[in-house]
Amino acid sequence: MTAKPTTHRPPGQSNIRVRQFRAAPACRRSRAAADEEDRMGLMLFPGDSDTTSPDVAWSYGDFAMFRRWPARTEGFELDEMDGFGGERPWSDVSTVLEPLLDHPDDAGPDFPPSQCAAMLPRLQQIAAQTHDGAGGPDVPRHLDDVRRLVVVLRLCTEKGVECVFG
C-alpha cells in the first residue's frame, strides 16, 4: 500500500492535508471490506499553512497498535483503560502522553503548542531508545513513528502552532 499526500483547500479554511491510500484490488468481498478499512487513517501535522511541513500518518489499525507501545513504556496496558475496553480510569495513571494515548481516533481536539511542548521531552526519550531485538518485530517501526512524531511536535512547538489531528 502506498500513500500519496495531496492538498485540499476548502473555501475560507486553511490548508488541510489529506492522505489517499491505494491498495491492490481484493479478490473476495470480505477482503475488500478489510482493504477499505486499512486505507482509512489519520495524520498528525503542524497547523501552519505550509503543505511541505512534515507529518506522521497511520491507518486506524496501525495507530491503535502504535499507541499500545508507548502506553507500555509508561507502565500500563492501553487495553485496560477506560475507553479502550477496560475499566481503569485515566486518573490512575500519570503520563504526559495522555493527550496522545487517550485521543479519539477519528475526531477530537488538536494539540495546542503547550501540549506539544509537554509531550515532546518524553517522546524524545522514547525515540532515543535503541532496538536490541526485544519487544517484538514491530518495535523498529514504532521507534520510527515516534521519531517522526517528535519532528512534527518539535516544529509545532517552535512555530507556536497546533498539531492538527486529522
Protein backbone atom coordinates (compact mmCIF):
# COMPACT_ATOMS: atom_id res chain seq x y z
CA MET A 1 0.00 0.00 0.00
CA THR A 2 1.38 3.40 -0.89
CA ALA A 3 0.33 6.80 0.33
CA LYS A 4 0.30 9.96 -1.71
CA PRO A 5 -0.16 13.28 0.13
CA THR A 6 -2.42 15.80 -1.52
CA THR A 7 -3.73 19.21 -0.55
CA HIS A 8 -7.37 20.22 -0.28
CA ARG A 9 -8.33 23.81 0.38
CA PRO A 10 -12.00 24.28 1.33
CA PRO A 11 -13.28 27.82 0.80
CA GLY A 12 -12.43 30.06 3.74
CA GLN A 13 -10.24 27.49 5.53
CA SER A 14 -6.54 26.94 5.87
CA ASN A 15 -4.77 24.10 4.08
CA ILE A 16 -5.86 20.65 5.14
CA ARG A 17 -3.70 17.78 4.04
CA VAL A 18 -5.43 14.59 3.03
CA ARG A 19 -3.64 11.31 2.57
CA GLN A 20 -5.01 8.91 -0.01
CA PHE A 21 -4.18 5.25 0.41
CA ARG A 22 -4.19 2.85 -2.51
CA ALA A 23 -4.32 -0.91 -2.15
CA ALA A 24 -4.42 -3.76 -4.62
CA PRO A 25 -7.93 -4.85 -5.64
CA ALA A 26 -9.45 -7.54 -3.47
CA CYS A 27 -10.43 -10.96 -4.73
CA ARG A 28 -13.28 -11.55 -2.29
CA ARG A 29 -15.88 -9.29 -0.75
CA SER A 30 -14.63 -9.87 2.82
CA ARG A 31 -11.10 -8.98 1.72
CA ALA A 32 -12.44 -5.84 0.02
CA ALA A 33 -14.01 -4.71 3.29
CA ALA A 34 -10.72 -5.27 5.12
CA ASP A 35 -8.81 -3.35 2.43
CA GLU A 36 -11.23 -0.44 2.70
CA GLU A 37 -10.70 -0.25 6.46
CA ASP A 38 -6.89 -0.39 6.02
CA ARG A 39 -6.97 2.57 3.59
CA MET A 40 -8.67 4.78 6.15
CA GLY A 41 -6.47 6.56 8.61
CA LEU A 42 -5.30 9.68 10.30
CA MET A 43 -2.44 12.12 10.11
CA LEU A 44 -0.79 14.50 12.58
CA PHE A 45 0.79 17.62 11.10
CA PRO A 46 1.65 21.22 12.02
CA GLY A 47 -1.27 23.62 11.77
CA ASP A 48 0.71 26.05 9.67
CA SER A 49 -0.20 26.71 6.08
CA ASP A 50 2.99 25.07 4.82
CA THR A 51 1.94 21.93 2.95
CA THR A 52 5.56 20.79 2.83
CA SER A 53 5.74 20.50 6.64
CA PRO A 54 6.49 17.00 7.94
CA ASP A 55 3.65 14.76 9.06
CA VAL A 56 3.11 11.34 10.52
CA ALA A 57 0.27 9.09 9.34
CA TRP A 58 -1.20 5.74 10.29
CA SER A 59 -4.13 3.60 9.28
CA TYR A 60 -6.59 3.38 12.18
CA GLY A 61 -5.40 -0.16 12.91
CA ASP A 62 -1.74 0.84 12.87
CA PHE A 63 -2.45 3.83 15.13
CA ALA A 64 -4.19 1.56 17.64
CA MET A 65 -1.20 -0.79 17.59
CA PHE A 66 1.25 2.12 17.84
CA ARG A 67 -0.42 3.67 20.91
CA ARG A 68 -0.23 0.40 22.84
CA TRP A 69 3.56 0.57 22.67
CA PRO A 70 4.17 3.98 24.37
CA ALA A 71 1.49 3.07 26.92
CA ARG A 72 3.58 0.02 27.85
CA THR A 73 6.69 2.21 28.12
CA GLU A 74 4.68 4.34 30.55
CA GLY A 75 3.86 1.26 32.65
CA PHE A 76 0.30 0.32 31.71
CA GLU A 77 -1.66 -1.56 29.07
CA LEU A 78 -3.90 0.61 26.91
CA ASP A 79 -6.48 -2.19 26.63
CA GLU A 80 -7.15 -1.99 30.38
CA MET A 81 -8.01 1.73 30.20
CA ASP A 82 -11.48 3.25 30.14
CA GLY A 83 -12.40 3.91 26.53
CA PHE A 84 -10.20 1.07 25.26
CA GLY A 85 -12.18 -1.91 26.51
CA GLY A 86 -11.09 -1.75 30.14
CA GLU A 87 -12.41 -0.04 33.23
CA ARG A 88 -9.27 1.54 34.64
CA PRO A 89 -9.73 5.32 34.84
CA TRP A 90 -7.11 7.63 33.34
CA SER A 91 -6.76 9.26 36.76
CA ASP A 92 -4.98 6.03 37.83
CA VAL A 93 -2.02 6.69 35.52
CA SER A 94 0.35 9.62 35.34
CA THR A 95 1.83 10.35 31.94
CA VAL A 96 2.40 13.49 29.91
CA LEU A 97 1.46 11.34 26.90
CA GLU A 98 -2.20 11.09 27.96
CA PRO A 99 -3.37 13.59 25.28
CA LEU A 100 -1.93 11.29 22.59
CA LEU A 101 -2.84 7.97 24.19
CA ASP A 102 -6.41 8.90 25.17
CA HIS A 103 -7.26 10.83 22.00
CA PRO A 104 -10.24 9.73 19.88
CA ASP A 105 -9.14 8.04 16.66
CA ASP A 106 -11.30 10.00 14.25
CA ALA A 107 -12.20 13.27 15.94
CA GLY A 108 -11.32 15.39 18.89
CA PRO A 109 -9.20 18.39 19.64
CA ASP A 110 -5.92 19.29 18.01
CA PHE A 111 -2.89 19.57 20.29
CA PRO A 112 -2.07 23.18 21.20
CA PRO A 113 1.62 24.16 21.20
CA SER A 114 1.76 23.89 25.01
CA GLN A 115 0.60 20.25 24.85
CA CYS A 116 3.10 19.53 22.08
CA ALA A 117 5.86 21.01 24.26
CA ALA A 118 4.75 18.96 27.28
CA MET A 119 4.76 15.64 25.38
CA LEU A 120 7.96 16.32 23.43
CA PRO A 121 10.62 15.51 26.09
CA ARG A 122 9.08 12.13 26.94
CA LEU A 123 8.68 11.21 23.28
CA GLN A 124 12.30 12.26 22.67
CA GLN A 125 13.38 9.88 25.44
CA ILE A 126 11.39 7.06 23.87
CA ALA A 127 12.75 7.91 20.39
CA ALA A 128 16.32 7.76 21.70
CA GLN A 129 15.93 4.09 22.60
CA THR A 130 17.84 1.55 20.59
CA HIS A 131 16.28 -1.66 19.41
CA ASP A 132 18.04 -4.73 20.74
CA GLY A 133 15.60 -7.25 19.27
CA ALA A 134 13.50 -7.43 22.43
CA GLY A 135 9.88 -6.34 22.42
CA GLY A 136 8.83 -7.88 19.14
CA PRO A 137 9.16 -7.26 15.44
CA ASP A 138 7.11 -4.04 15.45
CA VAL A 139 9.47 -2.09 17.72
CA PRO A 140 11.65 -0.65 14.89
CA ARG A 141 8.52 0.64 13.14
CA HIS A 142 7.17 2.13 16.39
CA LEU A 143 10.52 3.83 17.06
CA ASP A 144 10.44 5.29 13.56
CA ASP A 145 6.86 6.53 14.14
CA VAL A 146 7.87 8.14 17.44
CA ARG A 147 10.84 9.83 15.78
CA ARG A 148 8.61 11.24 13.02
CA LEU A 149 6.09 12.40 15.66
CA VAL A 150 8.92 14.13 17.55
CA VAL A 151 9.82 16.08 14.39
CA VAL A 152 6.19 17.19 13.97
CA LEU A 153 5.72 18.17 17.64
CA ARG A 154 9.07 20.00 17.73
CA LEU A 155 8.06 22.02 14.66
CA CYS A 156 4.66 22.83 16.20
CA THR A 157 6.38 23.98 19.40
CA GLU A 158 8.97 26.09 17.56
CA LYS A 159 6.39 27.74 15.30
CA GLY A 160 3.79 28.11 18.07
CA VAL A 161 1.14 26.29 16.02
CA GLU A 162 -1.20 23.47 16.94
CA CYS A 163 -0.61 19.91 15.90
CA VAL A 164 -3.60 19.03 13.74
CA PHE A 165 -5.03 15.62 14.43
CA GLY A 166 -6.93 14.75 11.32
